[in-house]
Amino acid sequence: MSASSHSNPLALDRRVLHRRVEAAVPHFDAAAILHREVGARLLDRLAYMRLDPATILDLGCGSGFHVRGLRKRYPRARLVLADLAPGLVARARRSAGRWRRPPGVACHVDQLPFGNDQFDLIFSSLVLHRSSDLAATARELQRLLRPGGVLLFATYGPDTLHELRTAWAQVDAAIHVHGFVDMHDIGDALVNARLADPVMDMEHFTLTYPDVSGLVDDLTALGLRNAAPGRRPGLTTPRQWRAMQSAYEAFRDADGRLPATWEIAYGHAWGTDAQPQLRQSSGVVEIPLDTLSVPKRSR
């Protein structure tokens, strides 16, 4: 792992991330309370968009929470499912029933195995945090969207798990909680990728637990345990764990519960026929050749 990845608060070790998400598959549904709520709110936002998609990508499909909602709203659309873990994709496909079972693919958000101009709607709920390079991911999403198509997404903001991050900061200087990208930086990445008219807003949710172990169990079940390349190697010692627990006690509320804050950033942007460009540090602008040969798209 390079030194630059250690200094990047958004960097993730892909191998560790993949292991975390794969291990979470059997327990994901039971812990995904917030995923269901945020996904439902994201689906509600489609009611305010004039859209009749022929093809939809559910990017970060999880175990299929949103499949029926997307099918109900757009019954004629072809739906494609994608997530990091094959086990989650398989569960999502089964959730659709036997009739018109949608195709699915396991992939990383930074490398999406689809051709240019494939989708009229990319629906992405709580998965963009897996990207270490949001600018590259935004270019991928623009590449996949047809002109006039829409990217609709929700992702974690920087206040997420601030109690846990604060508690660990009183123990040592190691990275124990992922960084999450700011809403304004997301908007900048979308604009730079030539996605049009991005609109962003956010809200906070608070989940409560009797103890820190309950929170950590949920993070494990969701595949959200620390996968930062700069994390401390080896196991957490009992002394460190007790120190973190003690520090977290400062957040216990009047009802005797420990809160965990989740900042959720919502956004949407529209696909365009603008050519994605990569500007190098030397000032040279590069245009990917594979995007120049796409038929029926004005560049």
Protein backbone atom coordinates (compact mmCIF):
# COMPACT_ATOMS: atom_id res chain seq x y z
CA MET A 1 0.00 0.00 0.00
CA SER A 2 1.44 3.38 -0.99
CA ALA A 3 2.23 6.22 1.42
CA SER A 4 -0.32 8.42 -0.35
CA SER A 5 -3.11 5.97 0.41
CA HIS A 6 -2.21 6.13 4.11
CA SER A 7 -2.55 9.93 4.08
CA ASN A 8 -5.89 9.83 2.26
CA PRO A 9 -8.68 9.67 4.88
CA LEU A 10 -11.03 8.14 2.29
CA ALA A 11 -8.61 5.41 1.18
CA LEU A 12 -9.65 1.78 1.63
CA ASP A 13 -7.77 -1.48 1.37
CA ARG A 14 -9.83 -3.22 -1.32
CA ARG A 15 -8.91 -6.72 -0.24
CA VAL A 16 -9.91 -6.01 3.36
CA LEU A 17 -13.08 -4.23 2.24
CA HIS A 18 -14.05 -7.21 0.10
CA ARG A 19 -13.46 -9.59 3.01
CA ARG A 20 -15.54 -7.41 5.32
CA VAL A 21 -18.51 -7.24 2.94
CA GLU A 22 -18.37 -10.94 2.05
CA ALA A 23 -18.31 -11.91 5.74
CA ALA A 24 -21.32 -9.65 6.37
CA VAL A 25 -23.62 -11.40 3.89
CA PRO A 26 -25.28 -13.85 6.35
CA HIS A 27 -26.00 -11.11 8.91
CA PHE A 28 -26.64 -8.10 6.67
CA ASP A 29 -30.45 -8.12 6.66
CA ALA A 30 -30.83 -8.14 10.45
CA ALA A 31 -28.59 -5.09 10.88
CA ALA A 32 -29.70 -3.04 7.87
CA ILE A 33 -32.34 -0.90 9.62
CA LEU A 34 -30.88 2.35 8.32
CA HIS A 35 -30.39 0.92 4.83
CA ARG A 36 -34.09 0.15 4.58
CA GLU A 37 -35.13 3.60 5.80
CA VAL A 38 -32.73 5.56 3.61
CA GLY A 39 -33.57 3.42 0.58
CA ALA A 40 -37.29 4.03 1.09
CA ARG A 41 -36.70 7.79 1.28
CA LEU A 42 -34.61 7.63 -1.87
CA LEU A 43 -37.37 5.75 -3.68
CA ASP A 44 -39.86 8.44 -2.58
CA ARG A 45 -37.75 11.07 -4.34
CA LEU A 46 -38.39 9.41 -7.68
CA ALA A 47 -42.01 10.59 -7.45
CA TYR A 48 -40.78 14.15 -8.11
CA MET A 49 -38.77 13.28 -11.22
CA ARG A 50 -40.21 13.02 -14.70
CA LEU A 51 -38.54 9.84 -15.74
CA ASP A 52 -39.51 6.79 -17.74
CA PRO A 53 -36.36 4.66 -17.70
CA ALA A 54 -35.85 1.73 -20.03
CA THR A 55 -32.87 0.47 -18.01
CA ILE A 56 -32.04 0.87 -14.31
CA LEU A 57 -28.88 0.04 -12.38
CA ASP A 58 -29.38 -0.63 -8.66
CA LEU A 59 -25.79 0.09 -7.60
CA GLY A 60 -25.27 -1.22 -4.09
CA CYS A 61 -28.33 -3.43 -4.24
CA GLY A 62 -27.54 -5.08 -0.89
CA SER A 63 -29.86 -8.01 -0.36
CA GLY A 64 -32.56 -6.48 -2.57
CA PHE A 65 -34.39 -3.99 -0.35
CA HIS A 66 -35.22 -1.71 -3.27
CA VAL A 67 -35.95 -4.22 -6.03
CA ARG A 68 -39.71 -4.36 -5.50
CA GLY A 69 -39.98 -0.59 -5.12
CA LEU A 70 -38.11 0.05 -8.35
CA ARG A 71 -40.13 -2.62 -10.16
CA LYS A 72 -43.40 -1.19 -8.88
CA ARG A 73 -42.57 2.33 -10.01
CA TYR A 74 -41.08 1.31 -13.35
CA PRO A 75 -42.63 -2.06 -14.28
CA ARG A 76 -41.45 -1.97 -17.90
CA ALA A 77 -37.83 -1.11 -17.14
CA ARG A 78 -34.98 -3.61 -17.34
CA LEU A 79 -33.35 -3.74 -13.91
CA VAL A 80 -29.69 -4.68 -13.31
CA LEU A 81 -28.29 -5.31 -9.82
CA ALA A 82 -24.73 -4.67 -8.65
CA ASP A 83 -22.87 -4.92 -5.35
CA LEU A 84 -19.43 -5.84 -4.11
CA ALA A 85 -20.26 -9.27 -2.67
CA PRO A 86 -21.60 -12.04 -4.92
CA GLY A 87 -23.64 -13.32 -1.95
CA LEU A 88 -25.51 -10.03 -1.67
CA VAL A 89 -26.19 -9.91 -5.42
CA ALA A 90 -27.55 -13.46 -5.31
CA ARG A 91 -29.89 -12.57 -2.44
CA ALA A 92 -31.07 -9.45 -4.25
CA ARG A 93 -31.84 -11.45 -7.38
CA ARG A 94 -33.87 -13.97 -5.37
CA SER A 95 -35.81 -11.16 -3.69
CA ALA A 96 -37.29 -10.29 -7.09
CA GLY A 97 -39.05 -13.66 -7.28
CA ARG A 98 -38.82 -16.14 -10.11
CA TRP A 99 -40.57 -14.02 -12.72
CA ARG A 100 -38.24 -11.64 -14.59
CA ARG A 101 -35.39 -12.26 -12.17
CA PRO A 102 -32.96 -9.39 -12.86
CA PRO A 103 -29.35 -9.99 -13.86
CA GLY A 104 -26.71 -9.13 -11.30
CA VAL A 105 -22.98 -8.55 -11.14
CA ALA A 106 -20.42 -8.30 -8.34
CA CYS A 107 -18.11 -5.32 -8.84
CA HIS A 108 -16.42 -2.36 -7.21
CA VAL A 109 -17.91 1.13 -7.56
CA ASP A 110 -14.69 2.44 -9.11
CA GLN A 111 -14.70 -0.17 -11.90
CA LEU A 112 -18.18 -0.83 -13.25
CA PRO A 113 -18.26 -3.57 -15.92
CA PHE A 114 -20.82 -1.99 -18.21
CA GLY A 115 -20.60 -0.29 -21.57
CA ASN A 116 -21.09 3.44 -22.12
CA ASP A 117 -24.60 4.90 -22.16
CA GLN A 118 -26.27 1.83 -20.66
CA PHE A 119 -28.69 3.24 -18.07
CA ASP A 120 -31.44 5.82 -17.79
CA LEU A 121 -31.44 5.64 -13.98
CA ILE A 122 -28.64 4.75 -11.59
CA PHE A 123 -30.13 4.22 -8.13
CA SER A 124 -27.38 4.03 -5.51
CA SER A 125 -28.17 3.79 -1.80
CA LEU A 126 -25.36 3.76 0.79
CA VAL A 127 -22.56 2.36 -1.31
CA LEU A 128 -20.48 5.30 -2.61
CA HIS A 129 -18.49 5.34 0.65
CA ARG A 130 -16.61 2.33 -0.77
CA SER A 131 -14.92 4.58 -3.31
CA SER A 132 -11.42 5.79 -2.45
CA ASP A 133 -11.49 8.10 -5.49
CA LEU A 134 -14.86 9.78 -5.82
CA ALA A 135 -13.74 11.72 -8.90
CA ALA A 136 -13.03 8.46 -10.73
CA THR A 137 -16.33 6.97 -9.58
CA ALA A 138 -18.24 10.04 -10.75
CA ARG A 139 -16.64 9.69 -14.19
CA GLU A 140 -17.71 6.04 -14.27
CA LEU A 141 -21.28 6.99 -13.42
CA GLN A 142 -21.35 9.68 -16.10
CA ARG A 143 -19.99 7.14 -18.59
CA LEU A 144 -22.79 4.68 -17.81
CA LEU A 145 -25.64 7.22 -17.88
CA ARG A 146 -27.42 8.04 -21.09
CA PRO A 147 -27.85 11.76 -21.79
CA GLY A 148 -30.94 12.83 -19.85
CA GLY A 149 -30.66 9.90 -17.45
CA VAL A 150 -30.41 10.51 -13.74
CA LEU A 151 -28.09 9.44 -10.96
CA LEU A 152 -29.97 9.28 -7.64
CA PHE A 153 -27.94 8.41 -4.58
CA ALA A 154 -27.53 8.49 -0.82
CA THR A 155 -24.20 8.13 0.97
CA TYR A 156 -22.62 8.70 4.36
CA GLY A 157 -21.40 12.17 5.33
CA PRO A 158 -18.44 13.13 7.56
CA ASP A 159 -20.46 13.34 10.80
CA THR A 160 -21.18 9.61 10.54
CA LEU A 161 -20.02 7.69 13.64
CA HIS A 162 -18.46 10.81 15.11
CA GLU A 163 -19.02 9.47 18.64
CA LEU A 164 -17.01 6.33 17.88
CA ARG A 165 -14.30 8.35 16.14
CA THR A 166 -14.09 10.75 19.09
CA ALA A 167 -13.90 7.93 21.62
CA TRP A 168 -11.08 6.21 19.75
CA ALA A 169 -9.20 9.51 19.38
CA GLN A 170 -8.87 9.59 23.17
CA VAL A 171 -7.12 6.20 23.07
CA ASP A 172 -4.56 6.62 20.26
CA ALA A 173 -3.90 8.35 16.96
CA ALA A 174 -4.58 5.32 14.76
CA ILE A 175 -7.39 5.23 12.19
CA HIS A 176 -10.30 3.27 13.66
CA VAL A 177 -13.22 4.73 11.66
CA HIS A 178 -13.36 5.46 7.93
CA GLY A 179 -13.44 8.98 6.63
CA PHE A 180 -16.58 9.99 4.72
CA VAL A 181 -16.70 12.61 2.00
CA ASP A 182 -18.35 16.00 2.50
CA MET A 183 -21.53 16.83 0.60
CA HIS A 184 -19.91 19.79 -1.17
CA ASP A 185 -17.00 17.65 -2.35
CA ILE A 186 -19.49 15.17 -3.79
CA GLY A 187 -21.14 17.98 -5.72
CA ASP A 188 -17.76 19.12 -7.05
CA ALA A 189 -16.93 15.59 -8.20
CA LEU A 190 -20.23 15.35 -10.08
CA VAL A 191 -19.71 18.70 -11.81
CA ASN A 192 -16.13 17.84 -12.78
CA ALA A 193 -17.37 14.57 -14.28
CA ARG A 194 -19.74 16.60 -16.51
CA LEU A 195 -22.89 15.48 -14.71
CA ALA A 196 -25.47 18.24 -14.92
CA ASP A 197 -27.44 20.20 -12.31
CA PRO A 198 -26.42 18.32 -9.17
CA VAL A 199 -28.70 18.87 -6.18
CA MET A 200 -27.60 17.85 -2.67
CA ASP A 201 -29.14 17.82 0.78
CA MET A 202 -28.57 15.93 4.00
CA GLU A 203 -30.11 14.74 7.24
CA HIS A 204 -28.97 13.04 10.42
CA PHE A 205 -30.17 9.78 11.96
CA THR A 206 -29.34 8.53 15.43
CA LEU A 207 -29.37 4.84 16.31
CA THR A 208 -28.99 3.92 19.98
CA TYR A 209 -27.43 0.93 21.71
CA PRO A 210 -27.15 -0.37 25.26
CA ASP A 211 -23.38 -0.65 24.85
CA VAL A 212 -20.58 -0.16 22.35
CA SER A 213 -20.46 -3.86 21.54
CA GLY A 214 -23.93 -3.63 20.00
CA LEU A 215 -22.78 -0.87 17.65
CA VAL A 216 -19.63 -2.73 16.65
CA ASP A 217 -21.65 -5.89 16.02
CA ASP A 218 -23.89 -3.93 13.64
CA LEU A 219 -20.89 -2.44 11.83
CA THR A 220 -19.51 -5.94 11.39
CA ALA A 221 -22.85 -7.23 10.11
CA LEU A 222 -23.01 -4.40 7.58
CA GLY A 223 -19.45 -4.82 6.33
CA LEU A 224 -18.53 -1.40 7.73
CA ARG A 225 -15.67 -2.38 10.00
CA ASN A 226 -12.44 -0.47 9.49
CA ALA A 227 -10.77 -1.20 6.14
CA ALA A 228 -8.51 1.86 6.03
CA PRO A 229 -4.95 1.07 4.91
CA GLY A 230 -3.62 3.14 7.82
CA ARG A 231 -5.46 1.14 10.45
CA ARG A 232 -3.46 -0.30 13.35
CA PRO A 233 -2.12 -3.76 12.45
CA GLY A 234 -3.03 -6.58 14.77
CA LEU A 235 -5.85 -6.99 17.24
CA THR A 236 -7.17 -4.34 19.58
CA THR A 237 -5.90 -5.07 23.08
CA PRO A 238 -8.33 -5.41 26.01
CA ARG A 239 -6.83 -2.27 27.53
CA GLN A 240 -7.47 -0.24 24.36
CA TRP A 241 -11.00 -1.59 24.08
CA ARG A 242 -11.82 -0.69 27.69
CA ALA A 243 -10.36 2.80 27.21
CA MET A 244 -12.52 3.37 24.12
CA GLN A 245 -15.63 2.10 25.93
CA SER A 246 -14.94 4.44 28.82
CA ALA A 247 -14.53 7.41 26.47
CA TYR A 248 -17.76 6.55 24.65
CA GLU A 249 -19.67 6.68 27.96
CA ALA A 250 -19.53 10.48 27.79
CA PHE A 251 -22.19 10.27 25.04
CA ARG A 252 -24.70 8.17 27.00
CA ASP A 253 -28.10 9.89 26.87
CA ALA A 254 -30.77 10.53 29.50
CA ASP A 255 -32.41 7.20 28.69
CA GLY A 256 -29.18 5.33 29.35
CA ARG A 257 -28.53 4.57 25.67
CA LEU A 258 -25.39 5.15 23.63
CA PRO A 259 -26.06 7.09 20.40
CA ALA A 260 -24.45 6.53 17.00
CA THR A 261 -24.90 9.37 14.52
CA TRP A 262 -25.28 8.75 10.80
CA GLU A 263 -25.12 11.72 8.45
CA ILE A 264 -26.81 10.89 5.16
CA ALA A 265 -26.17 12.97 2.07
CA TYR A 266 -28.75 12.68 -0.72
CA GLY A 267 -28.22 13.86 -4.24
CA HIS A 268 -29.09 13.58 -7.87
CA ALA A 269 -27.56 14.73 -11.13
CA TRP A 270 -28.31 14.26 -14.81
CA GLY A 271 -26.34 12.48 -17.51
CA THR A 272 -25.03 14.58 -20.38
CA ASP A 273 -23.29 14.05 -23.70
CA ALA A 274 -20.27 16.00 -22.45
CA GLN A 275 -16.96 14.20 -22.88
CA PRO A 276 -15.31 13.27 -19.56
CA GLN A 277 -11.79 14.70 -19.36
CA LEU A 278 -8.85 13.90 -17.10
CA ARG A 279 -6.57 16.85 -16.32
CA GLN A 280 -3.04 15.86 -15.32
CA SER A 281 -0.83 17.85 -12.93
CA SER A 282 1.19 19.04 -15.94
CA GLY A 283 -1.92 20.71 -17.33
CA VAL A 284 -2.38 18.17 -20.13
CA VAL A 285 -6.00 17.12 -20.68
CA GLU A 286 -6.55 13.46 -21.54
CA ILE A 287 -9.70 12.08 -23.17
CA PRO A 288 -10.23 8.31 -22.76
CA LEU A 289 -10.19 6.74 -26.23
CA ASP A 290 -12.83 4.13 -25.38
CA THR A 291 -15.41 6.87 -24.96
CA LEU A 292 -14.82 8.25 -28.46
CA SER A 293 -16.13 5.23 -30.32
CA VAL A 294 -19.60 5.08 -28.83
CA PRO A 295 -22.37 5.25 -31.45
CA LYS A 296 -25.40 7.51 -31.11
CA ARG A 297 -23.75 9.90 -28.69
CA SER A 298 -22.58 13.35 -29.60
CA ARG A 299 -19.26 14.20 -28.03
